[in-house]
Amino acid sequence: MTENDNNRTQIFNKVSEIVADHFDIDRAKITDDLNLKTDLDADSIDFVEFVLELEDTFNAEIADDEAEKLSTIGEVVDYIDQHTAD
């Protein structure tokens, strides 16, 4: 496992914790393919709160237009991985 894979795994685990808590879903059901809007039935307020929690957790800023493009857990993890410092 490369350092980048390890970093992505750590981000995935943190994102999974946030999703599990925020959307009251079993963490075992959270995969890269889980769709925030269709699988979790997240409305716009849920999604905004989720993004704010991500920003706080990862000390990152996610622009509204970028956040709108994020639909799956994998996309969220990849975005955070690419936009945060090591």
PDB file of N, CA and C in Angstrom:
ATOM      1  N   MET A   1       0.854  -1.189   0.000  1.00  0.00           N
ATOM      2  CA  MET A   1       0.000   0.000   0.000  1.00  0.00           C
ATOM      3  C   MET A   1       0.892   1.241   0.000  1.00  0.00           C
ATOM      4  N   THR A   2       0.635   2.153  -0.928  1.00  0.00           N
ATOM      5  CA  THR A   2       1.437   3.365  -1.005  1.00  0.00           C
ATOM      6  C   THR A   2       0.957   4.382   0.026  1.00  0.00           C
ATOM      7  N   GLU A   3       1.772   5.410   0.217  1.00  0.00           N
ATOM      8  CA  GLU A   3       1.402   6.455   1.176  1.00  0.00           C
ATOM      9  C   GLU A   3       0.098   7.122   0.752  1.00  0.00           C
ATOM     10  N   ASN A   4      -0.066   7.326  -0.559  1.00  0.00           N
ATOM     11  CA  ASN A   4      -1.285   7.946  -1.061  1.00  0.00           C
ATOM     12  C   ASN A   4      -2.507   7.072  -0.791  1.00  0.00           C
ATOM     13  N   ASP A   5      -2.368   5.753  -0.980  1.00  0.00           N
ATOM     14  CA  ASP A   5      -3.475   4.834  -0.682  1.00  0.00           C
ATOM     15  C   ASP A   5      -3.824   4.888   0.797  1.00  0.00           C
ATOM     16  N   ASN A   6      -2.790   4.942   1.641  1.00  0.00           N
ATOM     17  CA  ASN A   6      -2.999   4.999   3.075  1.00  0.00           C
ATOM     18  C   ASN A   6      -3.715   6.295   3.462  1.00  0.00           C
ATOM     19  N   ASN A   7      -3.307   7.410   2.861  1.00  0.00           N
ATOM     20  CA  ASN A   7      -3.941   8.693   3.120  1.00  0.00           C
ATOM     21  C   ASN A   7      -5.406   8.651   2.695  1.00  0.00           C
ATOM     22  N   ARG A   8      -5.676   8.078   1.515  1.00  0.00           N
ATOM     23  CA  ARG A   8      -7.054   7.988   1.022  1.00  0.00           C
ATOM     24  C   ARG A   8      -7.891   7.120   1.957  1.00  0.00           C
ATOM     25  N   THR A   9      -7.300   6.045   2.466  1.00  0.00           N
ATOM     26  CA  THR A   9      -8.012   5.173   3.408  1.00  0.00           C
ATOM     27  C   THR A   9      -8.369   5.935   4.683  1.00  0.00           C
ATOM     28  N   GLN A  10      -7.436   6.731   5.177  1.00  0.00           N
ATOM     29  CA  GLN A  10      -7.705   7.526   6.383  1.00  0.00           C
ATOM     30  C   GLN A  10      -8.818   8.534   6.128  1.00  0.00           C
ATOM     31  N   ILE A  11      -8.777   9.185   4.963  1.00  0.00           N
ATOM     32  CA  ILE A  11      -9.836  10.140   4.618  1.00  0.00           C
ATOM     33  C   ILE A  11     -11.162   9.416   4.487  1.00  0.00           C
ATOM     34  N   PHE A  12     -11.165   8.272   3.804  1.00  0.00           N
ATOM     35  CA  PHE A  12     -12.403   7.494   3.646  1.00  0.00           C
ATOM     36  C   PHE A  12     -12.994   7.142   5.011  1.00  0.00           C
ATOM     37  N   ASN A  13     -12.141   6.707   5.940  1.00  0.00           N
ATOM     38  CA  ASN A  13     -12.621   6.330   7.274  1.00  0.00           C
ATOM     39  C   ASN A  13     -13.245   7.515   7.999  1.00  0.00           C
ATOM     40  N   LYS A  14     -12.623   8.685   7.901  1.00  0.00           N
ATOM     41  CA  LYS A  14     -13.181   9.881   8.556  1.00  0.00           C
ATOM     42  C   LYS A  14     -14.495  10.290   7.902  1.00  0.00           C
ATOM     43  N   VAL A  15     -14.517  10.281   6.568  1.00  0.00           N
ATOM     44  CA  VAL A  15     -15.742  10.648   5.848  1.00  0.00           C
ATOM     45  C   VAL A  15     -16.855   9.667   6.205  1.00  0.00           C
ATOM     46  N   SER A  16     -16.523   8.388   6.298  1.00  0.00           N
ATOM     47  CA  SER A  16     -17.515   7.365   6.652  1.00  0.00           C
ATOM     48  C   SER A  16     -18.099   7.621   8.033  1.00  0.00           C
ATOM     49  N   GLU A  17     -17.252   8.009   8.975  1.00  0.00           N
ATOM     50  CA  GLU A  17     -17.739   8.329  10.325  1.00  0.00           C
ATOM     51  C   GLU A  17     -18.718   9.489  10.277  1.00  0.00           C
ATOM     52  N   ILE A  18     -18.369  10.527   9.523  1.00  0.00           N
ATOM     53  CA  ILE A  18     -19.247  11.700   9.413  1.00  0.00           C
ATOM     54  C   ILE A  18     -20.574  11.305   8.781  1.00  0.00           C
ATOM     55  N   VAL A  19     -20.514  10.534   7.699  1.00  0.00           N
ATOM     56  CA  VAL A  19     -21.738  10.109   7.011  1.00  0.00           C
ATOM     57  C   VAL A  19     -22.597   9.248   7.936  1.00  0.00           C
ATOM     58  N   ALA A  20     -21.973   8.312   8.624  1.00  0.00           N
ATOM     59  CA  ALA A  20     -22.710   7.420   9.525  1.00  0.00           C
ATOM     60  C   ALA A  20     -23.421   8.218  10.609  1.00  0.00           C
ATOM     61  N   ASP A  21     -22.717   9.191  11.183  1.00  0.00           N
ATOM     62  CA  ASP A  21     -23.315  10.009  12.243  1.00  0.00           C
ATOM     63  C   ASP A  21     -24.373  10.957  11.698  1.00  0.00           C
ATOM     64  N   HIS A  22     -24.037  11.624  10.609  1.00  0.00           N
ATOM     65  CA  HIS A  22     -24.910  12.668  10.084  1.00  0.00           C
ATOM     66  C   HIS A  22     -26.189  12.109   9.472  1.00  0.00           C
ATOM     67  N   PHE A  23     -26.073  10.970   8.794  1.00  0.00           N
ATOM     68  CA  PHE A  23     -27.230  10.416   8.086  1.00  0.00           C
ATOM     69  C   PHE A  23     -27.799   9.167   8.750  1.00  0.00           C
ATOM     70  N   ASP A  24     -27.269   8.831   9.916  1.00  0.00           N
ATOM     71  CA  ASP A  24     -27.758   7.692  10.689  1.00  0.00           C
ATOM     72  C   ASP A  24     -27.821   6.421   9.836  1.00  0.00           C
ATOM     73  N   ILE A  25     -26.664   6.055   9.305  1.00  0.00           N
ATOM     74  CA  ILE A  25     -26.553   4.861   8.459  1.00  0.00           C
ATOM     75  C   ILE A  25     -25.462   3.965   9.037  1.00  0.00           C
ATOM     76  N   ASP A  26     -25.636   2.676   8.865  1.00  0.00           N
ATOM     77  CA  ASP A  26     -24.644   1.703   9.321  1.00  0.00           C
ATOM     78  C   ASP A  26     -23.351   1.922   8.540  1.00  0.00           C
ATOM     79  N   ARG A  27     -22.248   2.101   9.259  1.00  0.00           N
ATOM     80  CA  ARG A  27     -20.962   2.387   8.620  1.00  0.00           C
ATOM     81  C   ARG A  27     -20.553   1.286   7.641  1.00  0.00           C
ATOM     82  N   ALA A  28     -20.967   0.070   7.892  1.00  0.00           N
ATOM     83  CA  ALA A  28     -20.616  -1.053   7.008  1.00  0.00           C
ATOM     84  C   ALA A  28     -21.248  -0.902   5.622  1.00  0.00           C
ATOM     85  N   LYS A  29     -22.287  -0.090   5.516  1.00  0.00           N
ATOM     86  CA  LYS A  29     -22.970   0.103   4.233  1.00  0.00           C
ATOM     87  C   LYS A  29     -22.360   1.238   3.402  1.00  0.00           C
ATOM     88  N   ILE A  30     -21.364   1.910   3.957  1.00  0.00           N
ATOM     89  CA  ILE A  30     -20.767   3.047   3.272  1.00  0.00           C
ATOM     90  C   ILE A  30     -19.620   2.577   2.384  1.00  0.00           C
ATOM     91  N   THR A  31     -19.768   2.835   1.091  1.00  0.00           N
ATOM     92  CA  THR A  31     -18.753   2.468   0.105  1.00  0.00           C
ATOM     93  C   THR A  31     -18.451   3.689  -0.760  1.00  0.00           C
ATOM     94  N   ASP A  32     -17.427   3.585  -1.593  1.00  0.00           N
ATOM     95  CA  ASP A  32     -17.099   4.668  -2.523  1.00  0.00           C
ATOM     96  C   ASP A  32     -18.274   4.999  -3.434  1.00  0.00           C
ATOM     97  N   ASP A  33     -19.085   4.004  -3.750  1.00  0.00           N
ATOM     98  CA  ASP A  33     -20.187   4.190  -4.698  1.00  0.00           C
ATOM     99  C   ASP A  33     -21.470   4.729  -4.068  1.00  0.00           C
ATOM    100  N   LEU A  34     -21.510   4.850  -2.758  1.00  0.00           N
ATOM    101  CA  LEU A  34     -22.713   5.342  -2.084  1.00  0.00           C
ATOM    102  C   LEU A  34     -23.000   6.764  -2.552  1.00  0.00           C
ATOM    103  N   ASN A  35     -24.197   6.990  -3.048  1.00  0.00           N
ATOM    104  CA  ASN A  35     -24.575   8.301  -3.563  1.00  0.00           C
ATOM    105  C   ASN A  35     -25.256   9.099  -2.456  1.00  0.00           C
ATOM    106  N   LEU A  36     -24.718  10.273  -2.183  1.00  0.00           N
ATOM    107  CA  LEU A  36     -25.220  11.097  -1.089  1.00  0.00           C
ATOM    108  C   LEU A  36     -26.660  11.538  -1.294  1.00  0.00           C
ATOM    109  N   LYS A  37     -27.004  11.829  -2.532  1.00  0.00           N
ATOM    110  CA  LYS A  37     -28.331  12.374  -2.782  1.00  0.00           C
ATOM    111  C   LYS A  37     -29.390  11.293  -2.963  1.00  0.00           C
ATOM    112  N   THR A  38     -29.035  10.233  -3.688  1.00  0.00           N
ATOM    113  CA  THR A  38     -30.055   9.214  -3.960  1.00  0.00           C
ATOM    114  C   THR A  38     -30.064   8.106  -2.907  1.00  0.00           C
ATOM    115  N   ASP A  39     -28.898   7.635  -2.493  1.00  0.00           N
ATOM    116  CA  ASP A  39     -28.853   6.536  -1.524  1.00  0.00           C
ATOM    117  C   ASP A  39     -29.159   6.991  -0.098  1.00  0.00           C
ATOM    118  N   LEU A  40     -28.790   8.230   0.218  1.00  0.00           N
ATOM    119  CA  LEU A  40     -28.995   8.721   1.581  1.00  0.00           C
ATOM    120  C   LEU A  40     -30.198   9.634   1.704  1.00  0.00           C
ATOM    121  N   ASP A  41     -30.834   9.933   0.586  1.00  0.00           N
ATOM    122  CA  ASP A  41     -31.998  10.816   0.599  1.00  0.00           C
ATOM    123  C   ASP A  41     -31.669  12.169   1.218  1.00  0.00           C
ATOM    124  N   ALA A  42     -30.465  12.659   0.979  1.00  0.00           N
ATOM    125  CA  ALA A  42     -30.042  13.932   1.558  1.00  0.00           C
ATOM    126  C   ALA A  42     -30.707  15.084   0.822  1.00  0.00           C
ATOM    127  N   ASP A  43     -31.354  15.956   1.583  1.00  0.00           N
ATOM    128  CA  ASP A  43     -31.897  17.157   0.950  1.00  0.00           C
ATOM    129  C   ASP A  43     -30.800  18.226   0.958  1.00  0.00           C
ATOM    130  N   SER A  44     -31.103  19.390   0.431  1.00  0.00           N
ATOM    131  CA  SER A  44     -30.060  20.414   0.288  1.00  0.00           C
ATOM    132  C   SER A  44     -29.510  20.868   1.638  1.00  0.00           C
ATOM    133  N   ILE A  45     -30.343  20.938   2.648  1.00  0.00           N
ATOM    134  CA  ILE A  45     -29.874  21.344   3.973  1.00  0.00           C
ATOM    135  C   ILE A  45     -28.957  20.274   4.558  1.00  0.00           C
ATOM    136  N   ASP A  46     -29.346  19.004   4.438  1.00  0.00           N
ATOM    137  CA  ASP A  46     -28.480  17.913   4.899  1.00  0.00           C
ATOM    138  C   ASP A  46     -27.122  17.980   4.223  1.00  0.00           C
ATOM    139  N   PHE A  47     -27.142  18.225   2.915  1.00  0.00           N
ATOM    140  CA  PHE A  47     -25.906  18.241   2.146  1.00  0.00           C
ATOM    141  C   PHE A  47     -25.006  19.398   2.568  1.00  0.00           C
ATOM    142  N   VAL A  48     -25.589  20.588   2.758  1.00  0.00           N
ATOM    143  CA  VAL A  48     -24.814  21.754   3.187  1.00  0.00           C
ATOM    144  C   VAL A  48     -24.193  21.490   4.558  1.00  0.00           C
ATOM    145  N   GLU A  49     -24.969  20.938   5.483  1.00  0.00           N
ATOM    146  CA  GLU A  49     -24.438  20.620   6.812  1.00  0.00           C
ATOM    147  C   GLU A  49     -23.306  19.602   6.715  1.00  0.00           C
ATOM    148  N   PHE A  50     -23.458  18.615   5.852  1.00  0.00           N
ATOM    149  CA  PHE A  50     -22.432  17.605   5.634  1.00  0.00           C
ATOM    150  C   PHE A  50     -21.148  18.250   5.117  1.00  0.00           C
ATOM    151  N   VAL A  51     -21.273  19.131   4.126  1.00  0.00           N
ATOM    152  CA  VAL A  51     -20.102  19.805   3.561  1.00  0.00           C
ATOM    153  C   VAL A  51     -19.415  20.664   4.629  1.00  0.00           C
ATOM    154  N   LEU A  52     -20.197  21.382   5.431  1.00  0.00           N
ATOM    155  CA  LEU A  52     -19.610  22.193   6.501  1.00  0.00           C
ATOM    156  C   LEU A  52     -18.851  21.330   7.498  1.00  0.00           C
ATOM    157  N   GLU A  53     -19.406  20.173   7.818  1.00  0.00           N
ATOM    158  CA  GLU A  53     -18.736  19.258   8.730  1.00  0.00           C
ATOM    159  C   GLU A  53     -17.428  18.727   8.114  1.00  0.00           C
ATOM    160  N   LEU A  54     -17.455  18.449   6.819  1.00  0.00           N
ATOM    161  CA  LEU A  54     -16.231  18.032   6.126  1.00  0.00           C
ATOM    162  C   LEU A  54     -15.173  19.124   6.197  1.00  0.00           C
ATOM    163  N   GLU A  55     -15.600  20.360   5.939  1.00  0.00           N
ATOM    164  CA  GLU A  55     -14.661  21.480   5.968  1.00  0.00           C
ATOM    165  C   GLU A  55     -14.015  21.615   7.346  1.00  0.00           C
ATOM    166  N   ASP A  56     -14.817  21.496   8.395  1.00  0.00           N
ATOM    167  CA  ASP A  56     -14.288  21.585   9.766  1.00  0.00           C
ATOM    168  C   ASP A  56     -13.332  20.436  10.059  1.00  0.00           C
ATOM    169  N   THR A  57     -13.730  19.234   9.705  1.00  0.00           N
ATOM    170  CA  THR A  57     -12.938  18.041  10.008  1.00  0.00           C
ATOM    171  C   THR A  57     -11.597  18.054   9.288  1.00  0.00           C
ATOM    172  N   PHE A  58     -11.609  18.456   8.019  1.00  0.00           N
ATOM    173  CA  PHE A  58     -10.399  18.373   7.206  1.00  0.00           C
ATOM    174  C   PHE A  58      -9.701  19.725   7.032  1.00  0.00           C
ATOM    175  N   ASN A  59     -10.222  20.748   7.706  1.00  0.00           N
ATOM    176  CA  ASN A  59      -9.642  22.087   7.613  1.00  0.00           C
ATOM    177  C   ASN A  59      -9.457  22.483   6.144  1.00  0.00           C
ATOM    178  N   ALA A  60     -10.513  22.302   5.395  1.00  0.00           N
ATOM    179  CA  ALA A  60     -10.489  22.579   3.960  1.00  0.00           C
ATOM    180  C   ALA A  60     -11.706  23.410   3.593  1.00  0.00           C
ATOM    181  N   GLU A  61     -11.572  24.156   2.512  1.00  0.00           N
ATOM    182  CA  GLU A  61     -12.714  24.915   2.021  1.00  0.00           C
ATOM    183  C   GLU A  61     -13.214  24.261   0.747  1.00  0.00           C
ATOM    184  N   ILE A  62     -14.504  23.980   0.720  1.00  0.00           N
ATOM    185  CA  ILE A  62     -15.114  23.368  -0.457  1.00  0.00           C
ATOM    186  C   ILE A  62     -16.093  24.389  -1.028  1.00  0.00           C
ATOM    187  N   ALA A  63     -15.750  24.926  -2.184  1.00  0.00           N
ATOM    188  CA  ALA A  63     -16.605  25.931  -2.827  1.00  0.00           C
ATOM    189  C   ALA A  63     -17.959  25.316  -3.156  1.00  0.00           C
ATOM    190  N   ASP A  64     -19.002  26.144  -3.111  1.00  0.00           N
ATOM    191  CA  ASP A  64     -20.359  25.658  -3.369  1.00  0.00           C
ATOM    192  C   ASP A  64     -20.475  24.974  -4.729  1.00  0.00           C
ATOM    193  N   ASP A  65     -19.868  25.569  -5.758  1.00  0.00           N
ATOM    194  CA  ASP A  65     -19.976  24.960  -7.088  1.00  0.00           C
ATOM    195  C   ASP A  65     -19.231  23.637  -7.150  1.00  0.00           C
ATOM    196  N   GLU A  66     -18.146  23.488  -6.375  1.00  0.00           N
ATOM    197  CA  GLU A  66     -17.432  22.215  -6.312  1.00  0.00           C
ATOM    198  C   GLU A  66     -18.247  21.192  -5.519  1.00  0.00           C
ATOM    199  N   ALA A  67     -18.844  21.627  -4.417  1.00  0.00           N
ATOM    200  CA  ALA A  67     -19.637  20.727  -3.575  1.00  0.00           C
ATOM    201  C   ALA A  67     -20.796  20.125  -4.360  1.00  0.00           C
ATOM    202  N   GLU A  68     -21.399  20.923  -5.230  1.00  0.00           N
ATOM    203  CA  GLU A  68     -22.537  20.446  -6.020  1.00  0.00           C
ATOM    204  C   GLU A  68     -22.147  19.298  -6.953  1.00  0.00           C
ATOM    205  N   LYS A  69     -20.871  19.229  -7.329  1.00  0.00           N
ATOM    206  CA  LYS A  69     -20.400  18.179  -8.230  1.00  0.00           C
ATOM    207  C   LYS A  69     -20.139  16.862  -7.500  1.00  0.00           C
ATOM    208  N   LEU A  70     -20.072  16.917  -6.180  1.00  0.00           N
ATOM    209  CA  LEU A  70     -19.760  15.725  -5.395  1.00  0.00           C
ATOM    210  C   LEU A  70     -21.034  14.943  -5.122  1.00  0.00           C
ATOM    211  N   SER A  71     -21.108  13.741  -5.686  1.00  0.00           N
ATOM    212  CA  SER A  71     -22.331  12.971  -5.460  1.00  0.00           C
ATOM    213  C   SER A  71     -22.083  11.649  -4.743  1.00  0.00           C
ATOM    214  N   THR A  72     -20.889  11.088  -4.874  1.00  0.00           N
ATOM    215  CA  THR A  72     -20.618   9.816  -4.201  1.00  0.00           C
ATOM    216  C   THR A  72     -19.559   9.996  -3.116  1.00  0.00           C
ATOM    217  N   ILE A  73     -19.494   9.043  -2.223  1.00  0.00           N
ATOM    218  CA  ILE A  73     -18.489   9.069  -1.165  1.00  0.00           C
ATOM    219  C   ILE A  73     -17.089   9.075  -1.779  1.00  0.00           C
ATOM    220  N   GLY A  74     -16.885   8.280  -2.809  1.00  0.00           N
ATOM    221  CA  GLY A  74     -15.588   8.234  -3.471  1.00  0.00           C
ATOM    222  C   GLY A  74     -15.170   9.590  -4.025  1.00  0.00           C
ATOM    223  N   GLU A  75     -16.124  10.331  -4.611  1.00  0.00           N
ATOM    224  CA  GLU A  75     -15.821  11.662  -5.135  1.00  0.00           C
ATOM    225  C   GLU A  75     -15.451  12.617  -4.006  1.00  0.00           C
ATOM    226  N   VAL A  76     -16.142  12.516  -2.886  1.00  0.00           N
ATOM    227  CA  VAL A  76     -15.841  13.349  -1.718  1.00  0.00           C
ATOM    228  C   VAL A  76     -14.429  13.051  -1.211  1.00  0.00           C
ATOM    229  N   VAL A  77     -14.116  11.766  -1.065  1.00  0.00           N
ATOM    230  CA  VAL A  77     -12.794  11.355  -0.568  1.00  0.00           C
ATOM    231  C   VAL A  77     -11.698  11.829  -1.522  1.00  0.00           C
ATOM    232  N   ASP A  78     -11.896  11.633  -2.815  1.00  0.00           N
ATOM    233  CA  ASP A  78     -10.894  12.063  -3.799  1.00  0.00           C
ATOM    234  C   ASP A  78     -10.714  13.580  -3.769  1.00  0.00           C
ATOM    235  N   TYR A  79     -11.813  14.313  -3.650  1.00  0.00           N
ATOM    236  CA  TYR A  79     -11.735  15.777  -3.602  1.00  0.00           C
ATOM    237  C   TYR A  79     -10.915  16.215  -2.394  1.00  0.00           C
ATOM    238  N   ILE A  80     -11.223  15.661  -1.243  1.00  0.00           N
ATOM    239  CA  ILE A  80     -10.496  16.027  -0.023  1.00  0.00           C
ATOM    240  C   ILE A  80      -9.027  15.632  -0.152  1.00  0.00           C
ATOM    241  N   ASP A  81      -8.774  14.460  -0.675  1.00  0.00           N
ATOM    242  CA  ASP A  81      -7.405  13.993  -0.855  1.00  0.00           C
ATOM    243  C   ASP A  81      -6.605  14.950  -1.743  1.00  0.00           C
ATOM    244  N   GLN A  82      -7.234  15.480  -2.767  1.00  0.00           N
ATOM    245  CA  GLN A  82      -6.552  16.356  -3.716  1.00  0.00           C
ATOM    246  C   GLN A  82      -6.447  17.805  -3.234  1.00  0.00           C
ATOM    247  N   HIS A  83      -7.296  18.195  -2.285  1.00  0.00           N
ATOM    248  CA  HIS A  83      -7.365  19.607  -1.876  1.00  0.00           C
ATOM    249  C   HIS A  83      -6.912  19.868  -0.445  1.00  0.00           C
ATOM    250  N   THR A  84      -6.278  18.906   0.178  1.00  0.00           N
ATOM    251  CA  THR A  84      -5.750  19.146   1.515  1.00  0.00           C
ATOM    252  C   THR A  84      -4.254  18.877   1.510  1.00  0.00           C
ATOM    253  N   ALA A  85      -3.561  19.591   2.362  1.00  0.00           N
ATOM    254  CA  ALA A  85      -2.111  19.403   2.475  1.00  0.00           C
ATOM    255  C   ALA A  85      -1.835  18.155   3.293  1.00  0.00           C
ATOM    256  N   ASP A  86      -0.696  17.550   3.055  1.00  0.00           N
ATOM    257  CA  ASP A  86      -0.316  16.352   3.790  1.00  0.00           C
ATOM    258  C   ASP A  86      -0.022  16.676   5.233  1.00  0.00           C
TER     259      ASP A  86
END
